[in-house]
PDB file of N, CA and C in Angstrom:
ATOM      1  N   MET A   1     -14.121  10.263  -2.003  1.00  0.00           N
ATOM      2  CA  MET A   1     -13.538  10.698  -0.749  1.00  0.00           C
ATOM      3  C   MET A   1     -14.480  10.309   0.383  1.00  0.00           C
ATOM      4  N   LYS A   2     -13.988   9.676   1.419  1.00  0.00           N
ATOM      5  CA  LYS A   2     -14.792   9.335   2.582  1.00  0.00           C
ATOM      6  C   LYS A   2     -15.046  10.601   3.396  1.00  0.00           C
ATOM      7  N   THR A   3     -16.159  10.625   4.119  1.00  0.00           N
ATOM      8  CA  THR A   3     -16.472  11.797   4.920  1.00  0.00           C
ATOM      9  C   THR A   3     -16.767  11.404   6.358  1.00  0.00           C
ATOM     10  N   TYR A   4     -16.602  12.358   7.239  1.00  0.00           N
ATOM     11  CA  TYR A   4     -16.976  12.217   8.638  1.00  0.00           C
ATOM     12  C   TYR A   4     -17.817  13.439   8.962  1.00  0.00           C
ATOM     13  N   ASP A   5     -19.059  13.227   9.297  1.00  0.00           N
ATOM     14  CA  ASP A   5     -19.960  14.337   9.582  1.00  0.00           C
ATOM     15  C   ASP A   5     -19.989  15.330   8.421  1.00  0.00           C
ATOM     16  N   GLY A   6     -19.932  14.784   7.198  1.00  0.00           N
ATOM     17  CA  GLY A   6     -19.980  15.607   6.012  1.00  0.00           C
ATOM     18  C   GLY A   6     -18.647  16.206   5.590  1.00  0.00           C
ATOM     19  N   MET A   7     -17.578  15.910   6.340  1.00  0.00           N
ATOM     20  CA  MET A   7     -16.261  16.474   6.038  1.00  0.00           C
ATOM     21  C   MET A   7     -15.383  15.397   5.419  1.00  0.00           C
ATOM     22  N   PRO A   8     -14.589  15.744   4.395  1.00  0.00           N
ATOM     23  CA  PRO A   8     -13.671  14.761   3.807  1.00  0.00           C
ATOM     24  C   PRO A   8     -12.644  14.291   4.831  1.00  0.00           C
ATOM     25  N   VAL A   9     -12.409  12.998   4.874  1.00  0.00           N
ATOM     26  CA  VAL A   9     -11.438  12.440   5.801  1.00  0.00           C
ATOM     27  C   VAL A   9     -10.272  11.822   5.042  1.00  0.00           C
ATOM     28  N   THR A  10     -10.564  11.159   3.956  1.00  0.00           N
ATOM     29  CA  THR A  10      -9.505  10.585   3.139  1.00  0.00           C
ATOM     30  C   THR A  10      -9.710  11.036   1.705  1.00  0.00           C
ATOM     31  N   GLY A  11      -8.667  10.995   0.959  1.00  0.00           N
ATOM     32  CA  GLY A  11      -8.726  11.389  -0.430  1.00  0.00           C
ATOM     33  C   GLY A  11      -7.345  11.840  -0.863  1.00  0.00           C
ATOM     34  N   THR A  12      -7.307  12.493  -1.964  1.00  0.00           N
ATOM     35  CA  THR A  12      -6.026  12.938  -2.507  1.00  0.00           C
ATOM     36  C   THR A  12      -5.811  14.417  -2.213  1.00  0.00           C
ATOM     37  N   ALA A  13      -4.586  14.864  -2.458  1.00  0.00           N
ATOM     38  CA  ALA A  13      -4.293  16.289  -2.341  1.00  0.00           C
ATOM     39  C   ALA A  13      -5.183  17.077  -3.292  1.00  0.00           C
ATOM     40  N   ALA A  14      -5.458  16.511  -4.466  1.00  0.00           N
ATOM     41  CA  ALA A  14      -6.340  17.178  -5.423  1.00  0.00           C
ATOM     42  C   ALA A  14      -7.760  17.303  -4.870  1.00  0.00           C
ATOM     43  N   ASP A  15      -8.218  16.287  -4.130  1.00  0.00           N
ATOM     44  CA  ASP A  15      -9.539  16.357  -3.504  1.00  0.00           C
ATOM     45  C   ASP A  15      -9.591  17.496  -2.489  1.00  0.00           C
ATOM     46  N   LEU A  16      -8.555  17.614  -1.670  1.00  0.00           N
ATOM     47  CA  LEU A  16      -8.511  18.699  -0.687  1.00  0.00           C
ATOM     48  C   LEU A  16      -8.459  20.052  -1.387  1.00  0.00           C
ATOM     49  N   HIS A  17      -7.613  20.158  -2.402  1.00  0.00           N
ATOM     50  CA  HIS A  17      -7.505  21.408  -3.152  1.00  0.00           C
ATOM     51  C   HIS A  17      -8.879  21.825  -3.681  1.00  0.00           C
ATOM     52  N   ALA A  18      -9.606  20.888  -4.264  1.00  0.00           N
ATOM     53  CA  ALA A  18     -10.933  21.186  -4.794  1.00  0.00           C
ATOM     54  C   ALA A  18     -11.894  21.605  -3.683  1.00  0.00           C
ATOM     55  N   ALA A  19     -11.839  20.924  -2.545  1.00  0.00           N
ATOM     56  CA  ALA A  19     -12.717  21.264  -1.416  1.00  0.00           C
ATOM     57  C   ALA A  19     -12.393  22.647  -0.878  1.00  0.00           C
ATOM     58  N   TYR A  20     -11.109  22.993  -0.820  1.00  0.00           N
ATOM     59  CA  TYR A  20     -10.717  24.342  -0.376  1.00  0.00           C
ATOM     60  C   TYR A  20     -11.219  25.382  -1.376  1.00  0.00           C
ATOM     61  N   ALA A  21     -11.003  25.120  -2.653  1.00  0.00           N
ATOM     62  CA  ALA A  21     -11.375  26.077  -3.697  1.00  0.00           C
ATOM     63  C   ALA A  21     -12.888  26.314  -3.722  1.00  0.00           C
ATOM     64  N   GLN A  22     -13.670  25.281  -3.401  1.00  0.00           N
ATOM     65  CA  GLN A  22     -15.129  25.395  -3.398  1.00  0.00           C
ATOM     66  C   GLN A  22     -15.673  25.912  -2.068  1.00  0.00           C
ATOM     67  N   GLY A  23     -14.776  26.101  -1.093  1.00  0.00           N
ATOM     68  CA  GLY A  23     -15.201  26.581   0.218  1.00  0.00           C
ATOM     69  C   GLY A  23     -15.909  25.531   1.056  1.00  0.00           C
ATOM     70  N   MET A  24     -15.782  24.265   0.670  1.00  0.00           N
ATOM     71  CA  MET A  24     -16.416  23.172   1.414  1.00  0.00           C
ATOM     72  C   MET A  24     -15.616  22.788   2.652  1.00  0.00           C
ATOM     73  N   LEU A  25     -14.353  23.155   2.669  1.00  0.00           N
ATOM     74  CA  LEU A  25     -13.431  22.735   3.723  1.00  0.00           C
ATOM     75  C   LEU A  25     -12.309  23.753   3.771  1.00  0.00           C
ATOM     76  N   THR A  26     -11.722  23.947   4.942  1.00  0.00           N
ATOM     77  CA  THR A  26     -10.549  24.812   5.062  1.00  0.00           C
ATOM     78  C   THR A  26      -9.366  23.968   5.511  1.00  0.00           C
ATOM     79  N   PRO A  27      -8.151  24.467   5.331  1.00  0.00           N
ATOM     80  CA  PRO A  27      -6.994  23.758   5.866  1.00  0.00           C
ATOM     81  C   PRO A  27      -7.107  23.538   7.379  1.00  0.00           C
ATOM     82  N   CYS A  28      -7.715  24.482   8.101  1.00  0.00           N
ATOM     83  CA  CYS A  28      -7.917  24.286   9.547  1.00  0.00           C
ATOM     84  C   CYS A  28      -8.803  23.071   9.820  1.00  0.00           C
ATOM     85  N   ASP A  29      -9.875  22.924   9.036  1.00  0.00           N
ATOM     86  CA  ASP A  29     -10.756  21.754   9.179  1.00  0.00           C
ATOM     87  C   ASP A  29      -9.984  20.465   8.907  1.00  0.00           C
ATOM     88  N   ALA A  30      -9.211  20.473   7.823  1.00  0.00           N
ATOM     89  CA  ALA A  30      -8.461  19.275   7.440  1.00  0.00           C
ATOM     90  C   ALA A  30      -7.458  18.884   8.513  1.00  0.00           C
ATOM     91  N   VAL A  31      -6.768  19.865   9.075  1.00  0.00           N
ATOM     92  CA  VAL A  31      -5.777  19.565  10.112  1.00  0.00           C
ATOM     93  C   VAL A  31      -6.456  18.983  11.347  1.00  0.00           C
ATOM     94  N   GLU A  32      -7.588  19.545  11.739  1.00  0.00           N
ATOM     95  CA  GLU A  32      -8.274  19.008  12.923  1.00  0.00           C
ATOM     96  C   GLU A  32      -8.708  17.565  12.696  1.00  0.00           C
ATOM     97  N   LEU A  33      -9.218  17.268  11.504  1.00  0.00           N
ATOM     98  CA  LEU A  33      -9.604  15.892  11.194  1.00  0.00           C
ATOM     99  C   LEU A  33      -8.385  14.966  11.205  1.00  0.00           C
ATOM    100  N   CYS A  34      -7.275  15.436  10.648  1.00  0.00           N
ATOM    101  CA  CYS A  34      -6.051  14.627  10.648  1.00  0.00           C
ATOM    102  C   CYS A  34      -5.521  14.414  12.059  1.00  0.00           C
ATOM    103  N   LEU A  35      -5.597  15.449  12.890  1.00  0.00           N
ATOM    104  CA  LEU A  35      -5.132  15.304  14.277  1.00  0.00           C
ATOM    105  C   LEU A  35      -6.003  14.313  15.046  1.00  0.00           C
ATOM    106  N   LEU A  36      -7.303  14.334  14.801  1.00  0.00           N
ATOM    107  CA  LEU A  36      -8.182  13.334  15.432  1.00  0.00           C
ATOM    108  C   LEU A  36      -7.751  11.929  15.050  1.00  0.00           C
ATOM    109  N   ALA A  37      -7.510  11.723  13.755  1.00  0.00           N
ATOM    110  CA  ALA A  37      -7.076  10.412  13.284  1.00  0.00           C
ATOM    111  C   ALA A  37      -5.707  10.047  13.846  1.00  0.00           C
ATOM    112  N   ALA A  38      -4.796  11.015  13.907  1.00  0.00           N
ATOM    113  CA  ALA A  38      -3.446  10.750  14.418  1.00  0.00           C
ATOM    114  C   ALA A  38      -3.485  10.367  15.887  1.00  0.00           C
ATOM    115  N   HIS A  39      -4.287  11.056  16.668  1.00  0.00           N
ATOM    116  CA  HIS A  39      -4.370  10.733  18.097  1.00  0.00           C
ATOM    117  C   HIS A  39      -5.053   9.388  18.327  1.00  0.00           C
ATOM    118  N   ALA A  40      -5.942   9.005  17.430  1.00  0.00           N
ATOM    119  CA  ALA A  40      -6.602   7.706  17.545  1.00  0.00           C
ATOM    120  C   ALA A  40      -5.637   6.561  17.248  1.00  0.00           C
ATOM    121  N   THR A  41      -4.583   6.850  16.505  1.00  0.00           N
ATOM    122  CA  THR A  41      -3.582   5.838  16.149  1.00  0.00           C
ATOM    123  C   THR A  41      -2.200   6.282  16.621  1.00  0.00           C
ATOM    124  N   GLN A  42      -2.137   6.861  17.807  1.00  0.00           N
ATOM    125  CA  GLN A  42      -0.924   7.513  18.282  1.00  0.00           C
ATOM    126  C   GLN A  42       0.304   6.612  18.296  1.00  0.00           C
ATOM    127  N   SER A  43       0.117   5.321  18.486  1.00  0.00           N
ATOM    128  CA  SER A  43       1.285   4.435  18.528  1.00  0.00           C
ATOM    129  C   SER A  43       2.027   4.402  17.200  1.00  0.00           C
ATOM    130  N   VAL A  44       1.420   4.934  16.153  1.00  0.00           N
ATOM    131  CA  VAL A  44       2.049   4.972  14.837  1.00  0.00           C
ATOM    132  C   VAL A  44       3.076   6.103  14.761  1.00  0.00           C
ATOM    133  N   PHE A  45       2.880   7.165  15.542  1.00  0.00           N
ATOM    134  CA  PHE A  45       3.704   8.363  15.438  1.00  0.00           C
ATOM    135  C   PHE A  45       4.658   8.512  16.624  1.00  0.00           C
ATOM    136  N   THR A  46       5.888   8.953  16.346  1.00  0.00           N
ATOM    137  CA  THR A  46       6.827   9.255  17.425  1.00  0.00           C
ATOM    138  C   THR A  46       6.622  10.668  17.935  1.00  0.00           C
ATOM    139  N   CYS A  47       6.022  11.522  17.116  1.00  0.00           N
ATOM    140  CA  CYS A  47       5.829  12.923  17.485  1.00  0.00           C
ATOM    141  C   CYS A  47       4.669  13.491  16.677  1.00  0.00           C
ATOM    142  N   ILE A  48       3.769  14.197  17.348  1.00  0.00           N
ATOM    143  CA  ILE A  48       2.682  14.888  16.666  1.00  0.00           C
ATOM    144  C   ILE A  48       2.848  16.371  16.969  1.00  0.00           C
ATOM    145  N   THR A  49       3.038  17.175  15.943  1.00  0.00           N
ATOM    146  CA  THR A  49       3.275  18.610  16.105  1.00  0.00           C
ATOM    147  C   THR A  49       1.969  19.376  15.893  1.00  0.00           C
ATOM    148  N   ALA A  50       1.029  19.178  16.812  1.00  0.00           N
ATOM    149  CA  ALA A  50      -0.315  19.748  16.659  1.00  0.00           C
ATOM    150  C   ALA A  50      -0.299  21.270  16.626  1.00  0.00           C
ATOM    151  N   ASP A  51       0.450  21.910  17.514  1.00  0.00           N
ATOM    152  CA  ASP A  51       0.478  23.377  17.534  1.00  0.00           C
ATOM    153  C   ASP A  51       1.021  23.928  16.224  1.00  0.00           C
ATOM    154  N   ARG A  52       2.101  23.325  15.743  1.00  0.00           N
ATOM    155  CA  ARG A  52       2.685  23.763  14.470  1.00  0.00           C
ATOM    156  C   ARG A  52       1.692  23.538  13.327  1.00  0.00           C
ATOM    157  N   ALA A  53       1.050  22.384  13.315  1.00  0.00           N
ATOM    158  CA  ALA A  53       0.089  22.074  12.252  1.00  0.00           C
ATOM    159  C   ALA A  53      -1.062  23.072  12.260  1.00  0.00           C
ATOM    160  N   ARG A  54      -1.565  23.389  13.450  1.00  0.00           N
ATOM    161  CA  ARG A  54      -2.676  24.337  13.541  1.00  0.00           C
ATOM    162  C   ARG A  54      -2.264  25.736  13.089  1.00  0.00           C
ATOM    163  N   GLU A  55      -1.078  26.169  13.482  1.00  0.00           N
ATOM    164  CA  GLU A  55      -0.614  27.494  13.070  1.00  0.00           C
ATOM    165  C   GLU A  55      -0.415  27.559  11.556  1.00  0.00           C
ATOM    166  N   GLU A  56       0.198  26.548  10.988  1.00  0.00           N
ATOM    167  CA  GLU A  56       0.394  26.535   9.540  1.00  0.00           C
ATOM    168  C   GLU A  56      -0.953  26.451   8.808  1.00  0.00           C
ATOM    169  N   ALA A  57      -1.911  25.733   9.380  1.00  0.00           N
ATOM    170  CA  ALA A  57      -3.248  25.651   8.780  1.00  0.00           C
ATOM    171  C   ALA A  57      -3.958  27.004   8.843  1.00  0.00           C
ATOM    172  N   ARG A  58      -3.801  27.723   9.964  1.00  0.00           N
ATOM    173  CA  ARG A  58      -4.401  29.064  10.062  1.00  0.00           C
ATOM    174  C   ARG A  58      -3.842  29.982   8.974  1.00  0.00           C
ATOM    175  N   GLN A  59      -2.533  29.925   8.782  1.00  0.00           N
ATOM    176  CA  GLN A  59      -1.908  30.755   7.753  1.00  0.00           C
ATOM    177  C   GLN A  59      -2.401  30.361   6.358  1.00  0.00           C
ATOM    178  N   SER A  60      -2.500  29.066   6.108  1.00  0.00           N
ATOM    179  CA  SER A  60      -2.970  28.587   4.811  1.00  0.00           C
ATOM    180  C   SER A  60      -4.425  28.982   4.580  1.00  0.00           C
ATOM    181  N   THR A  61      -5.258  28.849   5.600  1.00  0.00           N
ATOM    182  CA  THR A  61      -6.664  29.235   5.480  1.00  0.00           C
ATOM    183  C   THR A  61      -6.778  30.712   5.108  1.00  0.00           C
ATOM    184  N   ALA A  62      -5.975  31.544   5.734  1.00  0.00           N
ATOM    185  CA  ALA A  62      -5.993  32.977   5.412  1.00  0.00           C
ATOM    186  C   ALA A  62      -5.593  33.212   3.960  1.00  0.00           C
ATOM    187  N   ARG A  63      -4.593  32.483   3.483  1.00  0.00           N
ATOM    188  CA  ARG A  63      -4.192  32.632   2.074  1.00  0.00           C
ATOM    189  C   ARG A  63      -5.306  32.190   1.140  1.00  0.00           C
ATOM    190  N   TRP A  64      -5.956  31.063   1.446  1.00  0.00           N
ATOM    191  CA  TRP A  64      -7.057  30.586   0.599  1.00  0.00           C
ATOM    192  C   TRP A  64      -8.173  31.620   0.559  1.00  0.00           C
ATOM    193  N   ARG A  65      -8.513  32.186   1.715  1.00  0.00           N
ATOM    194  CA  ARG A  65      -9.596  33.180   1.760  1.00  0.00           C
ATOM    195  C   ARG A  65      -9.237  34.442   1.000  1.00  0.00           C
ATOM    196  N   ALA A  66      -7.948  34.776   0.967  1.00  0.00           N
ATOM    197  CA  ALA A  66      -7.489  35.968   0.253  1.00  0.00           C
ATOM    198  C   ALA A  66      -7.239  35.684  -1.227  1.00  0.00           C
ATOM    199  N   GLY A  67      -7.349  34.422  -1.636  1.00  0.00           N
ATOM    200  CA  GLY A  67      -7.109  34.061  -3.029  1.00  0.00           C
ATOM    201  C   GLY A  67      -5.640  34.081  -3.405  1.00  0.00           C
ATOM    202  N   ARG A  68      -4.757  33.876  -2.420  1.00  0.00           N
ATOM    203  CA  ARG A  68      -3.311  33.915  -2.684  1.00  0.00           C
ATOM    204  C   ARG A  68      -2.626  32.663  -2.129  1.00  0.00           C
ATOM    205  N   THR A  69      -3.042  31.515  -2.621  1.00  0.00           N
ATOM    206  CA  THR A  69      -2.431  30.275  -2.145  1.00  0.00           C
ATOM    207  C   THR A  69      -1.002  30.149  -2.652  1.00  0.00           C
ATOM    208  N   LEU A  70      -0.256  29.293  -1.995  1.00  0.00           N
ATOM    209  CA  LEU A  70       1.122  29.035  -2.410  1.00  0.00           C
ATOM    210  C   LEU A  70       1.203  28.023  -3.543  1.00  0.00           C
ATOM    211  N   GLY A  71       0.095  27.385  -3.856  1.00  0.00           N
ATOM    212  CA  GLY A  71       0.071  26.379  -4.903  1.00  0.00           C
ATOM    213  C   GLY A  71      -0.881  25.263  -4.537  1.00  0.00           C
ATOM    214  N   PRO A  72      -0.936  24.208  -5.341  1.00  0.00           N
ATOM    215  CA  PRO A  72      -1.926  23.147  -5.140  1.00  0.00           C
ATOM    216  C   PRO A  72      -1.741  22.336  -3.857  1.00  0.00           C
ATOM    217  N   LEU A  73      -0.586  22.398  -3.224  1.00  0.00           N
ATOM    218  CA  LEU A  73      -0.385  21.655  -1.977  1.00  0.00           C
ATOM    219  C   LEU A  73      -0.550  22.536  -0.733  1.00  0.00           C
ATOM    220  N   ASP A  74      -0.861  23.808  -0.923  1.00  0.00           N
ATOM    221  CA  ASP A  74      -1.031  24.711   0.215  1.00  0.00           C
ATOM    222  C   ASP A  74      -2.195  24.235   1.070  1.00  0.00           C
ATOM    223  N   GLY A  75      -1.923  23.929   2.321  1.00  0.00           N
ATOM    224  CA  GLY A  75      -2.952  23.486   3.247  1.00  0.00           C
ATOM    225  C   GLY A  75      -3.182  21.992   3.285  1.00  0.00           C
ATOM    226  N   VAL A  76      -2.416  21.231   2.523  1.00  0.00           N
ATOM    227  CA  VAL A  76      -2.559  19.772   2.543  1.00  0.00           C
ATOM    228  C   VAL A  76      -1.697  19.231   3.690  1.00  0.00           C
ATOM    229  N   PRO A  77      -2.318  18.630   4.706  1.00  0.00           N
ATOM    230  CA  PRO A  77      -1.535  18.088   5.827  1.00  0.00           C
ATOM    231  C   PRO A  77      -0.600  16.970   5.361  1.00  0.00           C
ATOM    232  N   VAL A  78       0.560  16.906   5.975  1.00  0.00           N
ATOM    233  CA  VAL A  78       1.543  15.872   5.638  1.00  0.00           C
ATOM    234  C   VAL A  78       2.092  15.239   6.906  1.00  0.00           C
ATOM    235  N   THR A  79       2.616  14.050   6.740  1.00  0.00           N
ATOM    236  CA  THR A  79       3.407  13.410   7.785  1.00  0.00           C
ATOM    237  C   THR A  79       4.766  13.107   7.182  1.00  0.00           C
ATOM    238  N   TRP A  80       5.754  12.914   8.030  1.00  0.00           N
ATOM    239  CA  TRP A  80       7.062  12.533   7.510  1.00  0.00           C
ATOM    240  C   TRP A  80       7.658  11.459   8.395  1.00  0.00           C
ATOM    241  N   LYS A  81       8.423  10.612   7.775  1.00  0.00           N
ATOM    242  CA  LYS A  81       9.121   9.533   8.470  1.00  0.00           C
ATOM    243  C   LYS A  81      10.250  10.137   9.274  1.00  0.00           C
ATOM    244  N   ASP A  82      10.484   9.610  10.438  1.00  0.00           N
ATOM    245  CA  ASP A  82      11.515  10.176  11.307  1.00  0.00           C
ATOM    246  C   ASP A  82      12.928   9.750  10.912  1.00  0.00           C
ATOM    247  N   LEU A  83      13.152   9.654   9.621  1.00  0.00           N
ATOM    248  CA  LEU A  83      14.500   9.439   9.088  1.00  0.00           C
ATOM    249  C   LEU A  83      15.158  10.769   8.737  1.00  0.00           C
ATOM    250  N   PHE A  84      14.351  11.833   8.717  1.00  0.00           N
ATOM    251  CA  PHE A  84      14.818  13.145   8.297  1.00  0.00           C
ATOM    252  C   PHE A  84      14.839  14.093   9.488  1.00  0.00           C
ATOM    253  N   ASP A  85      15.912  14.849   9.624  1.00  0.00           N
ATOM    254  CA  ASP A  85      15.969  15.870  10.667  1.00  0.00           C
ATOM    255  C   ASP A  85      15.026  16.999  10.305  1.00  0.00           C
ATOM    256  N   VAL A  86      14.055  17.225  11.167  1.00  0.00           N
ATOM    257  CA  VAL A  86      13.126  18.333  11.004  1.00  0.00           C
ATOM    258  C   VAL A  86      13.170  19.114  12.308  1.00  0.00           C
ATOM    259  N   ARG A  87      13.452  20.400  12.202  1.00  0.00           N
ATOM    260  CA  ARG A  87      13.639  21.228  13.389  1.00  0.00           C
ATOM    261  C   ARG A  87      12.524  21.014  14.409  1.00  0.00           C
ATOM    262  N   GLY A  88      12.922  20.715  15.651  1.00  0.00           N
ATOM    263  CA  GLY A  88      11.976  20.575  16.746  1.00  0.00           C
ATOM    264  C   GLY A  88      11.337  19.216  16.896  1.00  0.00           C
ATOM    265  N   THR A  89      11.722  18.246  16.083  1.00  0.00           N
ATOM    266  CA  THR A  89      11.150  16.908  16.198  1.00  0.00           C
ATOM    267  C   THR A  89      12.255  15.874  16.329  1.00  0.00           C
ATOM    268  N   PRO A  90      11.991  14.783  17.037  1.00  0.00           N
ATOM    269  CA  PRO A  90      13.011  13.744  17.169  1.00  0.00           C
ATOM    270  C   PRO A  90      13.241  13.002  15.855  1.00  0.00           C
ATOM    271  N   THR A  91      14.463  12.613  15.636  1.00  0.00           N
ATOM    272  CA  THR A  91      14.825  11.805  14.469  1.00  0.00           C
ATOM    273  C   THR A  91      15.323  10.479  15.006  1.00  0.00           C
ATOM    274  N   THR A  92      14.469   9.467  15.003  1.00  0.00           N
ATOM    275  CA  THR A  92      14.820   8.199  15.633  1.00  0.00           C
ATOM    276  C   THR A  92      15.200   7.104  14.650  1.00  0.00           C
ATOM    277  N   ALA A  93      14.790   7.225  13.411  1.00  0.00           N
ATOM    278  CA  ALA A  93      15.018   6.174  12.417  1.00  0.00           C
ATOM    279  C   ALA A  93      14.512   4.828  12.939  1.00  0.00           C
ATOM    280  N   ALA A  94      13.413   4.880  13.680  1.00  0.00           N
ATOM    281  CA  ALA A  94      12.768   3.699  14.265  1.00  0.00           C
ATOM    282  C   ALA A  94      13.643   2.974  15.273  1.00  0.00           C
ATOM    283  N   SER A  95      14.575   3.687  15.875  1.00  0.00           N
ATOM    284  CA  SER A  95      15.467   3.096  16.867  1.00  0.00           C
ATOM    285  C   SER A  95      15.143   3.642  18.253  1.00  0.00           C
ATOM    286  N   ALA A  96      14.891   2.745  19.212  1.00  0.00           N
ATOM    287  CA  ALA A  96      14.633   3.175  20.589  1.00  0.00           C
ATOM    288  C   ALA A  96      15.841   3.908  21.171  1.00  0.00           C
ATOM    289  N   LEU A  97      17.043   3.602  20.685  1.00  0.00           N
ATOM    290  CA  LEU A  97      18.253   4.271  21.170  1.00  0.00           C
ATOM    291  C   LEU A  97      18.250   5.766  20.850  1.00  0.00           C
ATOM    292  N   LEU A  98      17.588   6.150  19.784  1.00  0.00           N
ATOM    293  CA  LEU A  98      17.573   7.553  19.368  1.00  0.00           C
ATOM    294  C   LEU A  98      16.309   8.305  19.803  1.00  0.00           C
ATOM    295  N   MET A  99      15.410   7.648  20.520  1.00  0.00           N
ATOM    296  CA  MET A  99      14.117   8.238  20.851  1.00  0.00           C
ATOM    297  C   MET A  99      14.235   9.580  21.576  1.00  0.00           C
ATOM    298  N   GLN A 100      15.208   9.746  22.438  1.00  0.00           N
ATOM    299  CA  GLN A 100      15.346  10.988  23.203  1.00  0.00           C
ATOM    300  C   GLN A 100      16.362  11.949  22.602  1.00  0.00           C
ATOM    301  N   ALA A 101      16.790  11.714  21.381  1.00  0.00           N
ATOM    302  CA  ALA A 101      17.828  12.540  20.765  1.00  0.00           C
ATOM    303  C   ALA A 101      17.231  13.443  19.685  1.00  0.00           C
ATOM    304  N   PRO A 102      16.886  14.716  20.053  1.00  0.00           N
ATOM    305  CA  PRO A 102      16.386  15.622  19.011  1.00  0.00           C
ATOM    306  C   PRO A 102      17.510  15.985  18.056  1.00  0.00           C
ATOM    307  N   PRO A 103      17.171  16.411  16.848  1.00  0.00           N
ATOM    308  CA  PRO A 103      18.227  16.753  15.894  1.00  0.00           C
ATOM    309  C   PRO A 103      19.072  17.911  16.401  1.00  0.00           C
ATOM    310  N   GLU A 104      20.369  17.781  16.258  1.00  0.00           N
ATOM    311  CA  GLU A 104      21.281  18.854  16.658  1.00  0.00           C
ATOM    312  C   GLU A 104      21.161  20.027  15.698  1.00  0.00           C
ATOM    313  N   VAL A 105      21.212  19.712  14.420  1.00  0.00           N
ATOM    314  CA  VAL A 105      21.124  20.751  13.403  1.00  0.00           C
ATOM    315  C   VAL A 105      20.254  20.233  12.270  1.00  0.00           C
ATOM    316  N   ALA A 106      19.194  20.939  11.978  1.00  0.00           N
ATOM    317  CA  ALA A 106      18.361  20.576  10.826  1.00  0.00           C
ATOM    318  C   ALA A 106      18.712  21.532   9.698  1.00  0.00           C
ATOM    319  N   PRO A 107      18.998  21.014   8.516  1.00  0.00           N
ATOM    320  CA  PRO A 107      19.283  21.902   7.401  1.00  0.00           C
ATOM    321  C   PRO A 107      18.133  22.878   7.165  1.00  0.00           C
ATOM    322  N   GLU A 108      18.445  24.071   6.729  1.00  0.00           N
ATOM    323  CA  GLU A 108      17.419  25.103   6.523  1.00  0.00           C
ATOM    324  C   GLU A 108      16.297  24.640   5.604  1.00  0.00           C
ATOM    325  N   PHE A 109      16.617  23.800   4.599  1.00  0.00           N
ATOM    326  CA  PHE A 109      15.550  23.383   3.692  1.00  0.00           C
ATOM    327  C   PHE A 109      14.569  22.427   4.338  1.00  0.00           C
ATOM    328  N   TRP A 110      14.855  21.900   5.516  1.00  0.00           N
ATOM    329  CA  TRP A 110      13.876  21.053   6.222  1.00  0.00           C
ATOM    330  C   TRP A 110      13.015  21.859   7.174  1.00  0.00           C
ATOM    331  N   SER A 111      13.197  23.166   7.245  1.00  0.00           N
ATOM    332  CA  SER A 111      12.487  23.957   8.238  1.00  0.00           C
ATOM    333  C   SER A 111      11.056  24.296   7.834  1.00  0.00           C
ATOM    334  N   ALA A 112      10.657  23.912   6.646  1.00  0.00           N
ATOM    335  CA  ALA A 112       9.309  24.253   6.180  1.00  0.00           C
ATOM    336  C   ALA A 112       8.239  23.528   6.948  1.00  0.00           C
TER     337      ALA A 112
END
């Protein structure tokens, strides 16, 4: 796993899980590192949900500290392609015509 200032920057979900379990890193740390990388390559993303990511990371960090994680992917930052309607984010399917069209209705199972 590559590090930045001693913090993991790249690796697998299993690497993050191990770092969380050992107390070497928290989901909050991981999200901040991912947001730094995302902002450095912003032209890659149509939308960055930093506030949502930070809030979900805070909740995950609390679960890790309490020993009640949701499973091995709890606290692992993710990105998604804008082909899927996700509440509060634009779904453009890489089309400039859809750039300003937020999803009308996102199915409940995409609200996670």
